[in-house]
Amino acid sequence: MSWNILLLIFLSVTISAVAQIALKHGMSTASVQQALMQGGADALYGVAKSLFVWLGLALYGFGALLWLGVLARVDVSQAYPFVGLGFLLTMLFGVFLLGEAFSMMRALGTLLVLAGVFLVAKT
């Protein structure tokens, strides 16, 4: 696998992880939480007004476009295991950017996923 393809994969996975953080931040704002408690159309409207939700969705779309470029050049069975890196990035971003809890069990689980990614990438 070329360095260009690896860069494209890492960029796509990183953008998807950042998208998760943007979506979580958007859904955690007081205005969205209040709208969700009201339910129905108010909930939908409250979510639709969130800039961070829209940013997250846009980032997912951009990440998906990059991923299509990956799939056009590499077998899906070779490329897809790298998506596991998103687990690590999302966990790290969640801990450092959102202040989410960190535990050794979570870290161990994430490292096991990465070990699987490494093993598949070596084949």
C-alpha atoms as a PDB file:
ATOM      1  CA  MET A   1       0.000   0.000   0.000  1.00  0.00           C
ATOM      2  CA  SER A   2       1.453   3.358  -0.983  1.00  0.00           C
ATOM      3  CA  TRP A   3       2.073   6.271   1.367  1.00  0.00           C
ATOM      4  CA  ASN A   4      -0.527   8.308  -0.524  1.00  0.00           C
ATOM      5  CA  ILE A   5      -3.188   5.697   0.156  1.00  0.00           C
ATOM      6  CA  LEU A   6      -2.171   5.444   3.811  1.00  0.00           C
ATOM      7  CA  LEU A   7      -2.383   9.225   4.124  1.00  0.00           C
ATOM      8  CA  LEU A   8      -5.834   9.204   2.532  1.00  0.00           C
ATOM      9  CA  ILE A   9      -6.955   6.458   4.934  1.00  0.00           C
ATOM     10  CA  PHE A  10      -5.621   8.268   8.002  1.00  0.00           C
ATOM     11  CA  LEU A  11      -7.148  11.550   6.871  1.00  0.00           C
ATOM     12  CA  SER A  12     -10.544   9.932   6.316  1.00  0.00           C
ATOM     13  CA  VAL A  13     -10.452   8.153   9.688  1.00  0.00           C
ATOM     14  CA  THR A  14      -9.308  11.305  11.505  1.00  0.00           C
ATOM     15  CA  ILE A  15     -12.022  13.419   9.914  1.00  0.00           C
ATOM     16  CA  SER A  16     -14.617  10.827  10.932  1.00  0.00           C
ATOM     17  CA  ALA A  17     -13.334  10.898  14.517  1.00  0.00           C
ATOM     18  CA  VAL A  18     -13.497  14.699  14.579  1.00  0.00           C
ATOM     19  CA  ALA A  19     -17.026  14.439  13.177  1.00  0.00           C
ATOM     20  CA  GLN A  20     -17.988  12.276  16.173  1.00  0.00           C
ATOM     21  CA  ILE A  21     -16.649  14.914  18.543  1.00  0.00           C
ATOM     22  CA  ALA A  22     -18.512  17.703  16.745  1.00  0.00           C
ATOM     23  CA  LEU A  23     -21.747  15.698  16.834  1.00  0.00           C
ATOM     24  CA  LYS A  24     -21.332  14.885  20.517  1.00  0.00           C
ATOM     25  CA  HIS A  25     -20.581  18.516  21.343  1.00  0.00           C
ATOM     26  CA  GLY A  26     -23.593  19.686  19.354  1.00  0.00           C
ATOM     27  CA  MET A  27     -25.919  17.178  20.984  1.00  0.00           C
ATOM     28  CA  SER A  28     -24.625  18.080  24.452  1.00  0.00           C
ATOM     29  CA  THR A  29     -25.376  21.786  24.297  1.00  0.00           C
ATOM     30  CA  ALA A  30     -28.015  23.109  26.652  1.00  0.00           C
ATOM     31  CA  SER A  31     -30.294  24.252  23.829  1.00  0.00           C
ATOM     32  CA  VAL A  32     -30.299  20.843  22.132  1.00  0.00           C
ATOM     33  CA  GLN A  33     -30.758  19.003  25.421  1.00  0.00           C
ATOM     34  CA  GLN A  34     -33.721  21.250  26.276  1.00  0.00           C
ATOM     35  CA  ALA A  35     -35.238  20.695  22.823  1.00  0.00           C
ATOM     36  CA  LEU A  36     -34.807  16.928  23.194  1.00  0.00           C
ATOM     37  CA  MET A  37     -36.652  17.006  26.502  1.00  0.00           C
ATOM     38  CA  GLN A  38     -39.576  18.725  24.787  1.00  0.00           C
ATOM     39  CA  GLY A  39     -39.643  15.992  22.152  1.00  0.00           C
ATOM     40  CA  GLY A  40     -41.400  15.869  18.807  1.00  0.00           C
ATOM     41  CA  ALA A  41     -40.862  18.649  16.320  1.00  0.00           C
ATOM     42  CA  ASP A  42     -39.149  20.788  18.959  1.00  0.00           C
ATOM     43  CA  ALA A  43     -36.438  18.141  19.303  1.00  0.00           C
ATOM     44  CA  LEU A  44     -35.933  17.941  15.568  1.00  0.00           C
ATOM     45  CA  TYR A  45     -35.831  21.721  15.267  1.00  0.00           C
ATOM     46  CA  GLY A  46     -33.427  22.036  18.209  1.00  0.00           C
ATOM     47  CA  VAL A  47     -31.017  19.534  16.676  1.00  0.00           C
ATOM     48  CA  ALA A  48     -31.347  21.123  13.231  1.00  0.00           C
ATOM     49  CA  LYS A  49     -30.317  24.511  14.673  1.00  0.00           C
ATOM     50  CA  SER A  50     -27.053  23.175  16.084  1.00  0.00           C
ATOM     51  CA  LEU A  51     -24.015  24.409  14.196  1.00  0.00           C
ATOM     52  CA  PHE A  52     -21.879  21.606  15.630  1.00  0.00           C
ATOM     53  CA  VAL A  53     -24.338  18.929  14.494  1.00  0.00           C
ATOM     54  CA  TRP A  54     -24.176  20.347  10.978  1.00  0.00           C
ATOM     55  CA  LEU A  55     -20.385  20.559  11.190  1.00  0.00           C
ATOM     56  CA  GLY A  56     -20.236  16.909  12.275  1.00  0.00           C
ATOM     57  CA  LEU A  57     -22.497  15.825   9.428  1.00  0.00           C
ATOM     58  CA  ALA A  58     -20.461  17.834   6.907  1.00  0.00           C
ATOM     59  CA  LEU A  59     -17.241  16.299   8.211  1.00  0.00           C
ATOM     60  CA  TYR A  60     -18.749  12.820   7.898  1.00  0.00           C
ATOM     61  CA  GLY A  61     -19.677  13.607   4.309  1.00  0.00           C
ATOM     62  CA  PHE A  62     -16.181  14.838   3.515  1.00  0.00           C
ATOM     63  CA  GLY A  63     -14.624  11.828   5.254  1.00  0.00           C
ATOM     64  CA  ALA A  64     -16.897   9.552   3.222  1.00  0.00           C
ATOM     65  CA  LEU A  65     -15.751  11.178  -0.009  1.00  0.00           C
ATOM     66  CA  LEU A  66     -12.129  10.575   0.973  1.00  0.00           C
ATOM     67  CA  TRP A  67     -13.010   6.992   1.866  1.00  0.00           C
ATOM     68  CA  LEU A  68     -14.479   6.502  -1.609  1.00  0.00           C
ATOM     69  CA  GLY A  69     -11.078   7.516  -2.977  1.00  0.00           C
ATOM     70  CA  VAL A  70      -9.498   4.833  -0.807  1.00  0.00           C
ATOM     71  CA  LEU A  71     -11.949   2.162  -1.921  1.00  0.00           C
ATOM     72  CA  ALA A  72     -11.321   3.039  -5.560  1.00  0.00           C
ATOM     73  CA  ARG A  73      -7.657   2.097  -5.106  1.00  0.00           C
ATOM     74  CA  VAL A  74      -7.476  -0.616  -2.409  1.00  0.00           C
ATOM     75  CA  ASP A  75      -9.364  -3.804  -1.585  1.00  0.00           C
ATOM     76  CA  VAL A  76     -11.968  -3.128   1.077  1.00  0.00           C
ATOM     77  CA  SER A  77     -10.635  -6.064   3.124  1.00  0.00           C
ATOM     78  CA  GLN A  78      -7.250  -4.352   3.213  1.00  0.00           C
ATOM     79  CA  ALA A  79      -8.497  -0.809   3.875  1.00  0.00           C
ATOM     80  CA  TYR A  80     -11.351  -1.342   6.312  1.00  0.00           C
ATOM     81  CA  PRO A  81      -9.315  -2.562   9.298  1.00  0.00           C
ATOM     82  CA  PHE A  82      -7.724   0.887   9.442  1.00  0.00           C
ATOM     83  CA  VAL A  83     -11.129   2.227  10.451  1.00  0.00           C
ATOM     84  CA  GLY A  84     -10.263   0.685  13.825  1.00  0.00           C
ATOM     85  CA  LEU A  85      -7.867   3.578  14.328  1.00  0.00           C
ATOM     86  CA  GLY A  86     -10.959   5.715  14.659  1.00  0.00           C
ATOM     87  CA  PHE A  87     -11.627   4.013  18.005  1.00  0.00           C
ATOM     88  CA  LEU A  88      -8.324   5.295  19.356  1.00  0.00           C
ATOM     89  CA  LEU A  89      -8.698   8.787  17.924  1.00  0.00           C
ATOM     90  CA  THR A  90     -12.285   9.143  19.109  1.00  0.00           C
ATOM     91  CA  MET A  91     -11.356   7.951  22.598  1.00  0.00           C
ATOM     92  CA  LEU A  92      -8.425  10.371  22.788  1.00  0.00           C
ATOM     93  CA  PHE A  93     -10.435  13.285  21.415  1.00  0.00           C
ATOM     94  CA  GLY A  94     -13.265  12.486  23.826  1.00  0.00           C
ATOM     95  CA  VAL A  95     -10.937  12.426  26.808  1.00  0.00           C
ATOM     96  CA  PHE A  96      -8.888  15.488  25.906  1.00  0.00           C
ATOM     97  CA  LEU A  97     -11.456  17.681  24.152  1.00  0.00           C
ATOM     98  CA  LEU A  98     -14.697  16.727  25.882  1.00  0.00           C
ATOM     99  CA  GLY A  99     -13.346  15.735  29.284  1.00  0.00           C
ATOM    100  CA  GLU A 100     -14.798  12.220  29.070  1.00  0.00           C
ATOM    101  CA  ALA A 101     -13.770   9.571  31.580  1.00  0.00           C
ATOM    102  CA  PHE A 102     -10.685   7.480  30.904  1.00  0.00           C
ATOM    103  CA  SER A 103     -10.243   3.986  32.260  1.00  0.00           C
ATOM    104  CA  MET A 104      -7.633   1.300  31.869  1.00  0.00           C
ATOM    105  CA  MET A 105     -10.257  -1.154  30.607  1.00  0.00           C
ATOM    106  CA  ARG A 106     -11.277   1.274  27.870  1.00  0.00           C
ATOM    107  CA  ALA A 107      -7.642   1.841  26.962  1.00  0.00           C
ATOM    108  CA  LEU A 108      -6.955  -1.911  26.911  1.00  0.00           C
ATOM    109  CA  GLY A 109      -9.969  -2.550  24.679  1.00  0.00           C
ATOM    110  CA  THR A 110      -8.833   0.161  22.301  1.00  0.00           C
ATOM    111  CA  LEU A 111      -5.315  -1.261  22.211  1.00  0.00           C
ATOM    112  CA  LEU A 112      -6.726  -4.711  21.386  1.00  0.00           C
ATOM    113  CA  VAL A 113      -8.597  -3.195  18.442  1.00  0.00           C
ATOM    114  CA  LEU A 114      -5.376  -1.525  17.286  1.00  0.00           C
ATOM    115  CA  ALA A 115      -3.492  -4.804  17.607  1.00  0.00           C
ATOM    116  CA  GLY A 116      -6.054  -6.331  15.258  1.00  0.00           C
ATOM    117  CA  VAL A 117      -5.591  -3.464  12.823  1.00  0.00           C
ATOM    118  CA  PHE A 118      -1.839  -3.988  12.896  1.00  0.00           C
ATOM    119  CA  LEU A 119      -2.135  -7.743  12.296  1.00  0.00           C
ATOM    120  CA  VAL A 120      -4.506  -7.318   9.357  1.00  0.00           C
ATOM    121  CA  ALA A 121      -2.377  -4.529   7.864  1.00  0.00           C
ATOM    122  CA  LYS A 122       0.688  -6.792   7.929  1.00  0.00           C
ATOM    123  CA  THR A 123      -0.982  -9.389   5.688  1.00  0.00           C
END
